[in-house]
Amino acid sequence: MVYTADMSSILIKDIPAELHERLREAAARDHRSMNKEVVALLEAALAARPPELPRPIQAAFPLTDGWLERAVTEGRT
């Protein structure tokens, strides 16, 4: 990846000490700065996710507020 001046920045706060240490160790193992390690981990994590959400399931009937209230009243939770 080529870094340019127009790249965005992010500040991550309240990282647990154990996670920070694991990140530091991973960066050292991979010969990266902690920042470059975070970018690499985020890229890998996001690449593994599906590109979009699956389509919603089509219900056989509309789930209205009235239907949901009856279901709860009848104990179908």
PDB file of N, CA and C in Angstrom:
ATOM      1  N   MET A   1       0.840  -1.167   0.000  1.00  0.00           N
ATOM      2  CA  MET A   1       0.000   0.000   0.000  1.00  0.00           C
ATOM      3  C   MET A   1       0.887   1.232   0.000  1.00  0.00           C
ATOM      4  N   VAL A   2       0.504   2.195  -0.788  1.00  0.00           N
ATOM      5  CA  VAL A   2       1.223   3.458  -0.855  1.00  0.00           C
ATOM      6  C   VAL A   2       0.453   4.472  -0.027  1.00  0.00           C
ATOM      7  N   TYR A   3       1.134   5.115   0.882  1.00  0.00           N
ATOM      8  CA  TYR A   3       0.507   6.106   1.737  1.00  0.00           C
ATOM      9  C   TYR A   3       0.692   7.484   1.139  1.00  0.00           C
ATOM     10  N   THR A   4      -0.391   8.260   1.110  1.00  0.00           N
ATOM     11  CA  THR A   4      -0.336   9.608   0.562  1.00  0.00           C
ATOM     12  C   THR A   4      -0.834  10.596   1.596  1.00  0.00           C
ATOM     13  N   ALA A   5      -0.643  11.869   1.326  1.00  0.00           N
ATOM     14  CA  ALA A   5      -1.020  12.922   2.268  1.00  0.00           C
ATOM     15  C   ALA A   5      -2.529  13.036   2.454  1.00  0.00           C
ATOM     16  N   ASP A   6      -3.315  12.533   1.518  1.00  0.00           N
ATOM     17  CA  ASP A   6      -4.758  12.670   1.625  1.00  0.00           C
ATOM     18  C   ASP A   6      -5.426  11.489   2.344  1.00  0.00           C
ATOM     19  N   MET A   7      -4.646  10.666   3.019  1.00  0.00           N
ATOM     20  CA  MET A   7      -5.199   9.520   3.732  1.00  0.00           C
ATOM     21  C   MET A   7      -5.801   9.975   5.051  1.00  0.00           C
ATOM     22  N   SER A   8      -6.849   9.313   5.466  1.00  0.00           N
ATOM     23  CA  SER A   8      -7.545   9.650   6.706  1.00  0.00           C
ATOM     24  C   SER A   8      -6.801   9.127   7.918  1.00  0.00           C
ATOM     25  N   SER A   9      -7.138   9.710   9.055  1.00  0.00           N
ATOM     26  CA  SER A   9      -6.568   9.269  10.324  1.00  0.00           C
ATOM     27  C   SER A   9      -7.689   8.832  11.249  1.00  0.00           C
ATOM     28  N   ILE A  10      -7.331   8.000  12.221  1.00  0.00           N
ATOM     29  CA  ILE A  10      -8.294   7.541  13.215  1.00  0.00           C
ATOM     30  C   ILE A  10      -7.559   7.428  14.547  1.00  0.00           C
ATOM     31  N   LEU A  11      -8.251   7.756  15.610  1.00  0.00           N
ATOM     32  CA  LEU A  11      -7.702   7.631  16.951  1.00  0.00           C
ATOM     33  C   LEU A  11      -8.493   6.546  17.663  1.00  0.00           C
ATOM     34  N   ILE A  12      -7.816   5.553  18.175  1.00  0.00           N
ATOM     35  CA  ILE A  12      -8.480   4.473  18.898  1.00  0.00           C
ATOM     36  C   ILE A  12      -8.175   4.650  20.377  1.00  0.00           C
ATOM     37  N   LYS A  13      -9.226   4.784  21.166  1.00  0.00           N
ATOM     38  CA  LYS A  13      -9.063   5.032  22.599  1.00  0.00           C
ATOM     39  C   LYS A  13      -9.497   3.824  23.408  1.00  0.00           C
ATOM     40  N   ASP A  14      -9.041   3.791  24.651  1.00  0.00           N
ATOM     41  CA  ASP A  14      -9.455   2.774  25.632  1.00  0.00           C
ATOM     42  C   ASP A  14      -9.155   1.347  25.186  1.00  0.00           C
ATOM     43  N   ILE A  15      -7.991   1.138  24.614  1.00  0.00           N
ATOM     44  CA  ILE A  15      -7.567  -0.210  24.236  1.00  0.00           C
ATOM     45  C   ILE A  15      -7.107  -0.926  25.501  1.00  0.00           C
ATOM     46  N   PRO A  16      -7.646  -2.112  25.783  1.00  0.00           N
ATOM     47  CA  PRO A  16      -7.185  -2.857  26.957  1.00  0.00           C
ATOM     48  C   PRO A  16      -5.681  -3.120  26.872  1.00  0.00           C
ATOM     49  N   ALA A  17      -5.025  -3.079  28.009  1.00  0.00           N
ATOM     50  CA  ALA A  17      -3.567  -3.235  28.063  1.00  0.00           C
ATOM     51  C   ALA A  17      -3.115  -4.536  27.409  1.00  0.00           C
ATOM     52  N   GLU A  18      -3.866  -5.619  27.618  1.00  0.00           N
ATOM     53  CA  GLU A  18      -3.480  -6.916  27.047  1.00  0.00           C
ATOM     54  C   GLU A  18      -3.547  -6.876  25.521  1.00  0.00           C
ATOM     55  N   LEU A  19      -4.577  -6.233  24.980  1.00  0.00           N
ATOM     56  CA  LEU A  19      -4.715  -6.122  23.529  1.00  0.00           C
ATOM     57  C   LEU A  19      -3.609  -5.238  22.962  1.00  0.00           C
ATOM     58  N   HIS A  20      -3.299  -4.160  23.638  1.00  0.00           N
ATOM     59  CA  HIS A  20      -2.215  -3.272  23.206  1.00  0.00           C
ATOM     60  C   HIS A  20      -0.888  -4.033  23.157  1.00  0.00           C
ATOM     61  N   GLU A  21      -0.644  -4.848  24.158  1.00  0.00           N
ATOM     62  CA  GLU A  21       0.592  -5.630  24.196  1.00  0.00           C
ATOM     63  C   GLU A  21       0.633  -6.644  23.051  1.00  0.00           C
ATOM     64  N   ARG A  22      -0.498  -7.301  22.790  1.00  0.00           N
ATOM     65  CA  ARG A  22      -0.553  -8.263  21.676  1.00  0.00           C
ATOM     66  C   ARG A  22      -0.312  -7.561  20.347  1.00  0.00           C
ATOM     67  N   LEU A  23      -0.866  -6.367  20.201  1.00  0.00           N
ATOM     68  CA  LEU A  23      -0.656  -5.588  18.985  1.00  0.00           C
ATOM     69  C   LEU A  23       0.817  -5.205  18.849  1.00  0.00           C
ATOM     70  N   ARG A  24       1.434  -4.773  19.938  1.00  0.00           N
ATOM     71  CA  ARG A  24       2.853  -4.406  19.915  1.00  0.00           C
ATOM     72  C   ARG A  24       3.710  -5.603  19.514  1.00  0.00           C
ATOM     73  N   GLU A  25       3.400  -6.772  20.085  1.00  0.00           N
ATOM     74  CA  GLU A  25       4.145  -7.981  19.762  1.00  0.00           C
ATOM     75  C   GLU A  25       3.951  -8.391  18.302  1.00  0.00           C
ATOM     76  N   ALA A  26       2.724  -8.285  17.813  1.00  0.00           N
ATOM     77  CA  ALA A  26       2.455  -8.643  16.417  1.00  0.00           C
ATOM     78  C   ALA A  26       3.192  -7.703  15.470  1.00  0.00           C
ATOM     79  N   ALA A  27       3.208  -6.419  15.793  1.00  0.00           N
ATOM     80  CA  ALA A  27       3.903  -5.446  14.957  1.00  0.00           C
ATOM     81  C   ALA A  27       5.401  -5.749  14.930  1.00  0.00           C
ATOM     82  N   ALA A  28       5.970  -6.060  16.082  1.00  0.00           N
ATOM     83  CA  ALA A  28       7.396  -6.389  16.136  1.00  0.00           C
ATOM     84  C   ALA A  28       7.687  -7.665  15.342  1.00  0.00           C
ATOM     85  N   ARG A  29       6.836  -8.658  15.483  1.00  0.00           N
ATOM     86  CA  ARG A  29       7.026  -9.928  14.774  1.00  0.00           C
ATOM     87  C   ARG A  29       6.968  -9.722  13.257  1.00  0.00           C
ATOM     88  N   ASP A  30       6.060  -8.822  12.825  1.00  0.00           N
ATOM     89  CA  ASP A  30       5.886  -8.579  11.387  1.00  0.00           C
ATOM     90  C   ASP A  30       6.763  -7.444  10.864  1.00  0.00           C
ATOM     91  N   HIS A  31       7.637  -6.905  11.727  1.00  0.00           N
ATOM     92  CA  HIS A  31       8.549  -5.819  11.348  1.00  0.00           C
ATOM     93  C   HIS A  31       7.777  -4.618  10.803  1.00  0.00           C
ATOM     94  N   ARG A  32       6.727  -4.239  11.537  1.00  0.00           N
ATOM     95  CA  ARG A  32       5.905  -3.093  11.165  1.00  0.00           C
ATOM     96  C   ARG A  32       5.801  -2.154  12.342  1.00  0.00           C
ATOM     97  N   SER A  33       5.432  -0.914  12.047  1.00  0.00           N
ATOM     98  CA  SER A  33       5.052  -0.008  13.122  1.00  0.00           C
ATOM     99  C   SER A  33       3.688  -0.479  13.635  1.00  0.00           C
ATOM    100  N   MET A  34       3.320  -0.023  14.806  1.00  0.00           N
ATOM    101  CA  MET A  34       2.004  -0.406  15.329  1.00  0.00           C
ATOM    102  C   MET A  34       0.902   0.121  14.421  1.00  0.00           C
ATOM    103  N   ASN A  35       1.077   1.317  13.880  1.00  0.00           N
ATOM    104  CA  ASN A  35       0.068   1.877  12.983  1.00  0.00           C
ATOM    105  C   ASN A  35      -0.098   1.001  11.737  1.00  0.00           C
ATOM    106  N   LYS A  36       1.017   0.616  11.116  1.00  0.00           N
ATOM    107  CA  LYS A  36       0.928  -0.221   9.916  1.00  0.00           C
ATOM    108  C   LYS A  36       0.367  -1.599  10.251  1.00  0.00           C
ATOM    109  N   GLU A  37       0.628  -2.098  11.453  1.00  0.00           N
ATOM    110  CA  GLU A  37       0.057  -3.386  11.866  1.00  0.00           C
ATOM    111  C   GLU A  37      -1.461  -3.276  11.994  1.00  0.00           C
ATOM    112  N   VAL A  38      -1.927  -2.191  12.586  1.00  0.00           N
ATOM    113  CA  VAL A  38      -3.381  -1.977  12.717  1.00  0.00           C
ATOM    114  C   VAL A  38      -4.026  -1.895  11.340  1.00  0.00           C
ATOM    115  N   VAL A  39      -3.422  -1.150  10.410  1.00  0.00           N
ATOM    116  CA  VAL A  39      -3.968  -1.035   9.056  1.00  0.00           C
ATOM    117  C   VAL A  39      -4.010  -2.403   8.392  1.00  0.00           C
ATOM    118  N   ALA A  40      -2.952  -3.192   8.520  1.00  0.00           N
ATOM    119  CA  ALA A  40      -2.916  -4.529   7.912  1.00  0.00           C
ATOM    120  C   ALA A  40      -3.993  -5.432   8.511  1.00  0.00           C
ATOM    121  N   LEU A  41      -4.165  -5.368   9.838  1.00  0.00           N
ATOM    122  CA  LEU A  41      -5.186  -6.193  10.485  1.00  0.00           C
ATOM    123  C   LEU A  41      -6.591  -5.774  10.069  1.00  0.00           C
ATOM    124  N   LEU A  42      -6.830  -4.471   9.982  1.00  0.00           N
ATOM    125  CA  LEU A  42      -8.143  -3.996   9.542  1.00  0.00           C
ATOM    126  C   LEU A  42      -8.421  -4.398   8.100  1.00  0.00           C
ATOM    127  N   GLU A  43      -7.419  -4.265   7.236  1.00  0.00           N
ATOM    128  CA  GLU A  43      -7.611  -4.667   5.841  1.00  0.00           C
ATOM    129  C   GLU A  43      -7.949  -6.152   5.738  1.00  0.00           C
ATOM    130  N   ALA A  44      -7.243  -6.995   6.496  1.00  0.00           N
ATOM    131  CA  ALA A  44      -7.499  -8.439   6.458  1.00  0.00           C
ATOM    132  C   ALA A  44      -8.881  -8.762   7.012  1.00  0.00           C
ATOM    133  N   ALA A  45      -9.257  -8.114   8.103  1.00  0.00           N
ATOM    134  CA  ALA A  45     -10.561  -8.388   8.711  1.00  0.00           C
ATOM    135  C   ALA A  45     -11.699  -7.958   7.791  1.00  0.00           C
ATOM    136  N   LEU A  46     -11.568  -6.799   7.171  1.00  0.00           N
ATOM    137  CA  LEU A  46     -12.633  -6.322   6.298  1.00  0.00           C
ATOM    138  C   LEU A  46     -12.684  -7.085   4.981  1.00  0.00           C
ATOM    139  N   ALA A  47     -11.550  -7.588   4.510  1.00  0.00           N
ATOM    140  CA  ALA A  47     -11.540  -8.383   3.279  1.00  0.00           C
ATOM    141  C   ALA A  47     -12.254  -9.713   3.485  1.00  0.00           C
ATOM    142  N   ALA A  48     -12.263 -10.216   4.730  1.00  0.00           N
ATOM    143  CA  ALA A  48     -12.879 -11.508   5.021  1.00  0.00           C
ATOM    144  C   ALA A  48     -14.395 -11.397   5.173  1.00  0.00           C
ATOM    145  N   ARG A  49     -14.918 -10.179   5.279  1.00  0.00           N
ATOM    146  CA  ARG A  49     -16.363  -9.993   5.452  1.00  0.00           C
ATOM    147  C   ARG A  49     -17.063 -10.025   4.105  1.00  0.00           C
ATOM    148  N   PRO A  50     -18.315 -10.473   4.097  1.00  0.00           N
ATOM    149  CA  PRO A  50     -19.067 -10.422   2.834  1.00  0.00           C
ATOM    150  C   PRO A  50     -19.226  -8.967   2.398  1.00  0.00           C
ATOM    151  N   PRO A  51     -19.233  -8.713   1.095  1.00  0.00           N
ATOM    152  CA  PRO A  51     -19.297  -7.340   0.610  1.00  0.00           C
ATOM    153  C   PRO A  51     -20.611  -6.637   0.933  1.00  0.00           C
ATOM    154  N   GLU A  52     -21.667  -7.385   1.123  1.00  0.00           N
ATOM    155  CA  GLU A  52     -22.949  -6.761   1.445  1.00  0.00           C
ATOM    156  C   GLU A  52     -23.767  -7.708   2.303  1.00  0.00           C
ATOM    157  N   LEU A  53     -24.772  -7.156   2.923  1.00  0.00           N
ATOM    158  CA  LEU A  53     -25.653  -7.974   3.751  1.00  0.00           C
ATOM    159  C   LEU A  53     -26.541  -8.847   2.870  1.00  0.00           C
ATOM    160  N   PRO A  54     -26.902 -10.036   3.366  1.00  0.00           N
ATOM    161  CA  PRO A  54     -27.825 -10.866   2.581  1.00  0.00           C
ATOM    162  C   PRO A  54     -29.198 -10.205   2.513  1.00  0.00           C
ATOM    163  N   ARG A  55     -29.948 -10.555   1.508  1.00  0.00           N
ATOM    164  CA  ARG A  55     -31.298 -10.006   1.371  1.00  0.00           C
ATOM    165  C   ARG A  55     -32.167 -10.466   2.531  1.00  0.00           C
ATOM    166  N   PRO A  56     -33.063  -9.612   2.992  1.00  0.00           N
ATOM    167  CA  PRO A  56     -33.959 -10.013   4.082  1.00  0.00           C
ATOM    168  C   PRO A  56     -34.859 -11.167   3.648  1.00  0.00           C
ATOM    169  N   ILE A  57     -35.223 -11.989   4.603  1.00  0.00           N
ATOM    170  CA  ILE A  57     -36.134 -13.098   4.330  1.00  0.00           C
ATOM    171  C   ILE A  57     -37.526 -12.531   4.100  1.00  0.00           C
ATOM    172  N   GLN A  58     -38.187 -13.026   3.079  1.00  0.00           N
ATOM    173  CA  GLN A  58     -39.551 -12.592   2.808  1.00  0.00           C
ATOM    174  C   GLN A  58     -40.516 -13.375   3.696  1.00  0.00           C
ATOM    175  N   ALA A  59     -41.209 -12.683   4.582  1.00  0.00           N
ATOM    176  CA  ALA A  59     -42.158 -13.335   5.476  1.00  0.00           C
ATOM    177  C   ALA A  59     -43.421 -13.705   4.701  1.00  0.00           C
ATOM    178  N   ALA A  60     -44.097 -14.739   5.177  1.00  0.00           N
ATOM    179  CA  ALA A  60     -45.340 -15.173   4.537  1.00  0.00           C
ATOM    180  C   ALA A  60     -46.458 -14.159   4.760  1.00  0.00           C
ATOM    181  N   PHE A  61     -46.303 -13.331   5.771  1.00  0.00           N
ATOM    182  CA  PHE A  61     -47.288 -12.280   6.082  1.00  0.00           C
ATOM    183  C   PHE A  61     -46.537 -11.147   6.764  1.00  0.00           C
ATOM    184  N   PRO A  62     -47.116  -9.951   6.761  1.00  0.00           N
ATOM    185  CA  PRO A  62     -46.418  -8.819   7.379  1.00  0.00           C
ATOM    186  C   PRO A  62     -46.387  -8.927   8.906  1.00  0.00           C
ATOM    187  N   LEU A  63     -45.270  -8.615   9.496  1.00  0.00           N
ATOM    188  CA  LEU A  63     -45.135  -8.634  10.950  1.00  0.00           C
ATOM    189  C   LEU A  63     -45.500  -7.247  11.488  1.00  0.00           C
ATOM    190  N   THR A  64     -46.777  -7.051  11.700  1.00  0.00           N
ATOM    191  CA  THR A  64     -47.260  -5.760  12.173  1.00  0.00           C
ATOM    192  C   THR A  64     -47.116  -5.656  13.687  1.00  0.00           C
ATOM    193  N   ASP A  65     -47.266  -4.457  14.215  1.00  0.00           N
ATOM    194  CA  ASP A  65     -47.218  -4.274  15.664  1.00  0.00           C
ATOM    195  C   ASP A  65     -48.310  -5.097  16.350  1.00  0.00           C
ATOM    196  N   GLY A  66     -49.503  -5.124  15.764  1.00  0.00           N
ATOM    197  CA  GLY A  66     -50.600  -5.900  16.344  1.00  0.00           C
ATOM    198  C   GLY A  66     -50.281  -7.387  16.402  1.00  0.00           C
ATOM    199  N   TRP A  67     -49.719  -7.905  15.332  1.00  0.00           N
ATOM    200  CA  TRP A  67     -49.364  -9.323  15.306  1.00  0.00           C
ATOM    201  C   TRP A  67     -48.313  -9.619  16.367  1.00  0.00           C
ATOM    202  N   LEU A  68     -47.310  -8.755  16.477  1.00  0.00           N
ATOM    203  CA  LEU A  68     -46.259  -8.965  17.462  1.00  0.00           C
ATOM    204  C   LEU A  68     -46.806  -8.889  18.890  1.00  0.00           C
ATOM    205  N   GLU A  69     -47.695  -7.940  19.148  1.00  0.00           N
ATOM    206  CA  GLU A  69     -48.298  -7.823  20.484  1.00  0.00           C
ATOM    207  C   GLU A  69     -49.094  -9.080  20.832  1.00  0.00           C
ATOM    208  N   ARG A  70     -49.881  -9.614  19.883  1.00  0.00           N
ATOM    209  CA  ARG A  70     -50.634 -10.849  20.136  1.00  0.00           C
ATOM    210  C   ARG A  70     -49.698 -12.018  20.412  1.00  0.00           C
ATOM    211  N   ALA A  71     -48.610 -12.086  19.668  1.00  0.00           N
ATOM    212  CA  ALA A  71     -47.652 -13.178  19.864  1.00  0.00           C
ATOM    213  C   ALA A  71     -47.055 -13.119  21.263  1.00  0.00           C
ATOM    214  N   VAL A  72     -46.711 -11.935  21.729  1.00  0.00           N
ATOM    215  CA  VAL A  72     -46.151 -11.793  23.065  1.00  0.00           C
ATOM    216  C   VAL A  72     -47.215 -12.128  24.109  1.00  0.00           C
ATOM    217  N   THR A  73     -48.435 -11.651  23.917  1.00  0.00           N
ATOM    218  CA  THR A  73     -49.526 -11.936  24.856  1.00  0.00           C
ATOM    219  C   THR A  73     -49.785 -13.423  24.974  1.00  0.00           C
ATOM    220  N   GLU A  74     -49.667 -14.134  23.847  1.00  0.00           N
ATOM    221  CA  GLU A  74     -49.896 -15.574  23.835  1.00  0.00           C
ATOM    222  C   GLU A  74     -48.661 -16.362  24.285  1.00  0.00           C
ATOM    223  N   GLY A  75     -47.619 -15.676  24.650  1.00  0.00           N
ATOM    224  CA  GLY A  75     -46.431 -16.352  25.151  1.00  0.00           C
ATOM    225  C   GLY A  75     -45.499 -16.864  24.076  1.00  0.00           C
ATOM    226  N   ARG A  76     -45.647 -16.410  22.866  1.00  0.00           N
ATOM    227  CA  ARG A  76     -44.784 -16.855  21.762  1.00  0.00           C
ATOM    228  C   ARG A  76     -43.607 -15.895  21.621  1.00  0.00           C
ATOM    229  N   THR A  77     -42.694 -15.945  22.575  1.00  0.00           N
ATOM    230  CA  THR A  77     -41.544 -15.045  22.510  1.00  0.00           C
ATOM    231  C   THR A  77     -40.291 -15.803  22.162  1.00  0.00           C
TER     232      THR A  77
END
